[in-house]
Amino acid sequence: MQLPLSITRAGAERVALTGLTANISSSGVLFTTEREPDLGGPIEYVITLNSDSAPAVNLRCIGKVLRTEKAPGVDVSTAYQIAATLERYEFVREH
């Protein structure tokens, strides 16, 4: 399932990175983005569940980076595939 994703924090650093999910489960997410976060470090990310309708419903997640690798089959040399846990989450509605 491809959904828009934005990373808001990687480790102790606040960031503004975008990406797309490849798959999601109750314990984690696999996504692609243009920058590689620190392996094993904490990560905070937001998944937009319904970008086609208003108001948007976002899933704000906190987890840990489990795996990073160059994204397979992507022509862009700076694309990374990231696997992260989903340890805590909350639904956030935009107004």
N, C-alpha and C. Protein backbone atom coordinates (compact mmCIF):
# COMPACT_ATOMS: atom_id res chain seq x y z
N MET A 1 0.85 -1.17 0.00
CA MET A 1 0.00 0.00 0.00
C MET A 1 0.89 1.23 0.00
N GLN A 2 0.81 2.06 -1.01
CA GLN A 2 1.62 3.27 -1.07
C GLN A 2 0.83 4.45 -0.51
N LEU A 3 1.33 4.98 0.59
CA LEU A 3 0.74 6.15 1.23
C LEU A 3 1.84 7.18 1.44
N PRO A 4 1.48 8.48 1.41
CA PRO A 4 2.48 9.51 1.68
C PRO A 4 2.97 9.42 3.13
N LEU A 5 4.26 9.63 3.30
CA LEU A 5 4.88 9.55 4.62
C LEU A 5 5.83 10.73 4.75
N SER A 6 5.91 11.32 5.93
CA SER A 6 6.90 12.36 6.19
C SER A 6 7.61 12.03 7.50
N ILE A 7 8.93 12.16 7.45
CA ILE A 7 9.74 11.94 8.65
C ILE A 7 9.91 13.30 9.31
N THR A 8 9.57 13.39 10.59
CA THR A 8 9.68 14.66 11.30
C THR A 8 10.86 14.70 12.26
N ARG A 9 11.36 13.52 12.64
CA ARG A 9 12.52 13.45 13.53
C ARG A 9 13.27 12.16 13.25
N ALA A 10 14.60 12.28 13.13
CA ALA A 10 15.47 11.12 12.97
C ALA A 10 16.57 11.25 14.01
N GLY A 11 16.58 10.37 14.99
CA GLY A 11 17.51 10.53 16.12
C GLY A 11 17.10 11.75 16.91
N ALA A 12 18.06 12.60 17.25
CA ALA A 12 17.76 13.82 18.00
C ALA A 12 17.49 14.99 17.07
N GLU A 13 17.64 14.78 15.77
CA GLU A 13 17.53 15.85 14.78
C GLU A 13 16.12 15.97 14.22
N ARG A 14 15.59 17.22 14.20
CA ARG A 14 14.32 17.46 13.52
C ARG A 14 14.60 17.55 12.03
N VAL A 15 13.81 16.86 11.25
CA VAL A 15 14.00 16.83 9.80
C VAL A 15 12.67 17.01 9.10
N ALA A 16 12.72 17.25 7.82
CA ALA A 16 11.52 17.35 7.00
C ALA A 16 11.78 16.56 5.72
N LEU A 17 11.56 15.26 5.78
CA LEU A 17 11.78 14.37 4.65
C LEU A 17 10.46 13.74 4.24
N THR A 18 10.28 13.52 2.96
CA THR A 18 9.07 12.86 2.49
C THR A 18 9.42 11.49 1.93
N GLY A 19 8.40 10.66 1.81
CA GLY A 19 8.59 9.33 1.27
C GLY A 19 7.25 8.68 0.97
N LEU A 20 7.31 7.40 0.63
CA LEU A 20 6.12 6.61 0.35
C LEU A 20 6.24 5.26 1.05
N THR A 21 5.14 4.80 1.62
CA THR A 21 5.15 3.49 2.25
C THR A 21 5.14 2.40 1.17
N ALA A 22 5.77 1.28 1.47
CA ALA A 22 5.70 0.10 0.61
C ALA A 22 4.76 -0.92 1.23
N ASN A 23 4.85 -1.08 2.56
CA ASN A 23 3.89 -1.90 3.29
C ASN A 23 3.88 -1.50 4.75
N ILE A 24 2.76 -1.82 5.40
CA ILE A 24 2.56 -1.45 6.80
C ILE A 24 1.99 -2.66 7.52
N SER A 25 2.45 -2.87 8.76
CA SER A 25 1.86 -3.89 9.62
C SER A 25 1.63 -3.28 10.99
N SER A 26 1.09 -4.04 11.91
CA SER A 26 0.84 -3.53 13.25
C SER A 26 2.14 -3.28 14.02
N SER A 27 3.26 -3.84 13.55
CA SER A 27 4.52 -3.67 14.28
C SER A 27 5.55 -2.83 13.54
N GLY A 28 5.27 -2.44 12.28
CA GLY A 28 6.26 -1.65 11.57
C GLY A 28 5.84 -1.22 10.20
N VAL A 29 6.77 -0.53 9.52
CA VAL A 29 6.51 0.01 8.20
C VAL A 29 7.78 -0.09 7.36
N LEU A 30 7.59 -0.30 6.05
CA LEU A 30 8.67 -0.27 5.08
C LEU A 30 8.36 0.88 4.15
N PHE A 31 9.33 1.80 3.96
CA PHE A 31 9.09 2.96 3.13
C PHE A 31 10.36 3.38 2.40
N THR A 32 10.19 4.25 1.41
CA THR A 32 11.33 4.81 0.69
C THR A 32 11.41 6.31 0.97
N THR A 33 12.62 6.83 1.00
CA THR A 33 12.87 8.25 1.19
C THR A 33 14.22 8.59 0.59
N GLU A 34 14.53 9.89 0.51
CA GLU A 34 15.77 10.30 -0.17
C GLU A 34 16.99 10.38 0.74
N ARG A 35 16.83 10.20 2.03
CA ARG A 35 17.97 10.29 2.94
C ARG A 35 17.96 9.10 3.89
N GLU A 36 19.13 8.61 4.21
CA GLU A 36 19.26 7.42 5.06
C GLU A 36 19.36 7.83 6.53
N PRO A 37 18.37 7.46 7.36
CA PRO A 37 18.46 7.76 8.79
C PRO A 37 19.43 6.79 9.47
N ASP A 38 19.83 7.10 10.69
CA ASP A 38 20.78 6.27 11.44
C ASP A 38 20.17 4.92 11.80
N LEU A 39 20.87 3.86 11.46
CA LEU A 39 20.44 2.51 11.78
C LEU A 39 20.38 2.34 13.30
N GLY A 40 19.28 1.82 13.80
CA GLY A 40 19.10 1.61 15.23
C GLY A 40 18.61 2.82 16.00
N GLY A 41 18.57 3.97 15.34
CA GLY A 41 18.17 5.20 16.00
C GLY A 41 16.67 5.39 16.04
N PRO A 42 16.19 6.26 16.93
CA PRO A 42 14.76 6.55 17.00
C PRO A 42 14.32 7.35 15.78
N ILE A 43 13.05 7.18 15.42
CA ILE A 43 12.49 7.89 14.27
C ILE A 43 11.03 8.23 14.57
N GLU A 44 10.63 9.41 14.13
CA GLU A 44 9.23 9.84 14.24
C GLU A 44 8.75 10.14 12.83
N TYR A 45 7.61 9.57 12.46
CA TYR A 45 7.11 9.75 11.10
C TYR A 45 5.59 9.85 11.11
N VAL A 46 5.05 10.46 10.06
CA VAL A 46 3.60 10.66 9.94
C VAL A 46 3.17 10.05 8.61
N ILE A 47 2.17 9.17 8.67
CA ILE A 47 1.60 8.55 7.48
C ILE A 47 0.23 9.17 7.24
N THR A 48 0.01 9.69 6.04
CA THR A 48 -1.29 10.28 5.69
C THR A 48 -2.16 9.18 5.12
N LEU A 49 -3.27 8.90 5.80
CA LEU A 49 -4.12 7.78 5.45
C LEU A 49 -5.12 8.09 4.34
N ASN A 50 -5.58 9.32 4.24
CA ASN A 50 -6.59 9.67 3.23
C ASN A 50 -6.26 11.01 2.60
N SER A 51 -5.25 11.05 1.79
CA SER A 51 -4.80 12.31 1.21
C SER A 51 -5.77 12.88 0.18
N ASP A 52 -6.72 12.07 -0.29
CA ASP A 52 -7.66 12.52 -1.33
C ASP A 52 -8.87 13.26 -0.78
N SER A 53 -9.09 13.19 0.51
CA SER A 53 -10.28 13.86 1.06
C SER A 53 -9.89 14.75 2.24
N ALA A 54 -10.77 15.67 2.55
CA ALA A 54 -10.51 16.59 3.66
C ALA A 54 -11.53 16.32 4.75
N PRO A 55 -11.21 16.46 6.00
CA PRO A 55 -9.86 16.72 6.49
C PRO A 55 -9.02 15.44 6.46
N ALA A 56 -7.73 15.60 6.26
CA ALA A 56 -6.82 14.45 6.21
C ALA A 56 -6.71 13.80 7.58
N VAL A 57 -6.53 12.49 7.58
CA VAL A 57 -6.29 11.75 8.82
C VAL A 57 -4.85 11.24 8.75
N ASN A 58 -4.06 11.63 9.74
CA ASN A 58 -2.66 11.25 9.80
C ASN A 58 -2.41 10.31 10.96
N LEU A 59 -1.47 9.42 10.77
CA LEU A 59 -1.04 8.50 11.81
C LEU A 59 0.37 8.90 12.20
N ARG A 60 0.52 9.50 13.38
CA ARG A 60 1.83 9.94 13.88
C ARG A 60 2.45 8.76 14.62
N CYS A 61 3.64 8.33 14.18
CA CYS A 61 4.27 7.12 14.70
C CYS A 61 5.65 7.40 15.28
N ILE A 62 6.00 6.62 16.28
CA ILE A 62 7.33 6.67 16.87
C ILE A 62 7.87 5.25 16.87
N GLY A 63 9.11 5.10 16.42
CA GLY A 63 9.71 3.78 16.36
C GLY A 63 11.21 3.85 16.32
N LYS A 64 11.80 2.78 15.78
CA LYS A 64 13.25 2.66 15.69
C LYS A 64 13.58 2.14 14.29
N VAL A 65 14.68 2.64 13.71
CA VAL A 65 15.11 2.21 12.39
C VAL A 65 15.76 0.84 12.50
N LEU A 66 15.19 -0.15 11.81
CA LEU A 66 15.71 -1.52 11.85
C LEU A 66 16.66 -1.85 10.71
N ARG A 67 16.36 -1.30 9.52
CA ARG A 67 17.15 -1.64 8.34
C ARG A 67 17.13 -0.48 7.36
N THR A 68 18.27 -0.21 6.72
CA THR A 68 18.34 0.77 5.65
C THR A 68 19.15 0.17 4.51
N GLU A 69 18.69 0.41 3.28
CA GLU A 69 19.42 -0.07 2.10
C GLU A 69 19.01 0.75 0.91
N LYS A 70 19.84 0.73 -0.13
CA LYS A 70 19.47 1.41 -1.37
C LYS A 70 18.18 0.78 -1.89
N ALA A 71 17.27 1.62 -2.34
CA ALA A 71 15.98 1.12 -2.84
C ALA A 71 16.18 0.34 -4.13
N PRO A 72 15.70 -0.90 -4.19
CA PRO A 72 15.86 -1.70 -5.41
C PRO A 72 14.95 -1.21 -6.52
N GLY A 73 15.46 -1.23 -7.74
CA GLY A 73 14.64 -0.89 -8.90
C GLY A 73 14.32 0.57 -9.05
N VAL A 74 14.99 1.44 -8.29
CA VAL A 74 14.74 2.88 -8.38
C VAL A 74 15.95 3.51 -9.06
N ASP A 75 15.71 4.34 -10.08
CA ASP A 75 16.79 4.95 -10.83
C ASP A 75 17.54 6.02 -10.03
N VAL A 76 16.89 6.63 -9.08
CA VAL A 76 17.51 7.70 -8.31
C VAL A 76 18.54 7.10 -7.36
N SER A 77 19.77 7.55 -7.43
CA SER A 77 20.84 6.97 -6.61
C SER A 77 20.72 7.35 -5.14
N THR A 78 19.87 8.31 -4.81
CA THR A 78 19.74 8.72 -3.42
C THR A 78 18.46 8.21 -2.78
N ALA A 79 17.84 7.17 -3.34
CA ALA A 79 16.62 6.61 -2.76
C ALA A 79 16.98 5.45 -1.83
N TYR A 80 16.43 5.48 -0.64
CA TYR A 80 16.69 4.44 0.36
C TYR A 80 15.39 3.76 0.76
N GLN A 81 15.49 2.49 1.04
CA GLN A 81 14.36 1.73 1.57
C GLN A 81 14.64 1.54 3.06
N ILE A 82 13.68 1.94 3.88
CA ILE A 82 13.84 1.95 5.33
C ILE A 82 12.79 1.05 5.96
N ALA A 83 13.22 0.20 6.89
CA ALA A 83 12.30 -0.59 7.71
C ALA A 83 12.37 -0.02 9.12
N ALA A 84 11.22 0.32 9.68
CA ALA A 84 11.17 0.90 11.03
C ALA A 84 10.05 0.26 11.83
N THR A 85 10.25 0.19 13.13
CA THR A 85 9.20 -0.32 14.00
C THR A 85 8.11 0.73 14.17
N LEU A 86 6.97 0.27 14.63
CA LEU A 86 5.86 1.14 14.98
C LEU A 86 5.53 0.84 16.43
N GLU A 87 6.21 1.56 17.34
CA GLU A 87 6.10 1.27 18.77
C GLU A 87 4.96 2.02 19.44
N ARG A 88 4.76 3.28 19.02
CA ARG A 88 3.65 4.09 19.55
C ARG A 88 3.06 4.86 18.39
N TYR A 89 1.75 5.11 18.47
CA TYR A 89 1.11 5.88 17.41
C TYR A 89 -0.11 6.62 17.95
N GLU A 90 -0.52 7.64 17.22
CA GLU A 90 -1.75 8.35 17.52
C GLU A 90 -2.33 8.89 16.22
N PHE A 91 -3.65 8.92 16.16
CA PHE A 91 -4.32 9.49 15.01
C PHE A 91 -4.41 11.00 15.19
N VAL A 92 -4.10 11.74 14.14
CA VAL A 92 -4.13 13.21 14.19
C VAL A 92 -4.95 13.69 13.01
N ARG A 93 -6.03 14.43 13.27
CA ARG A 93 -6.87 14.96 12.20
C ARG A 93 -6.49 16.41 11.96
N GLU A 94 -6.38 16.76 10.66
CA GLU A 94 -6.15 18.15 10.30
C GLU A 94 -7.49 18.87 10.32
N HIS A 95 -7.46 20.15 10.66
CA HIS A 95 -8.70 20.93 10.73
C HIS A 95 -8.83 21.84 9.55
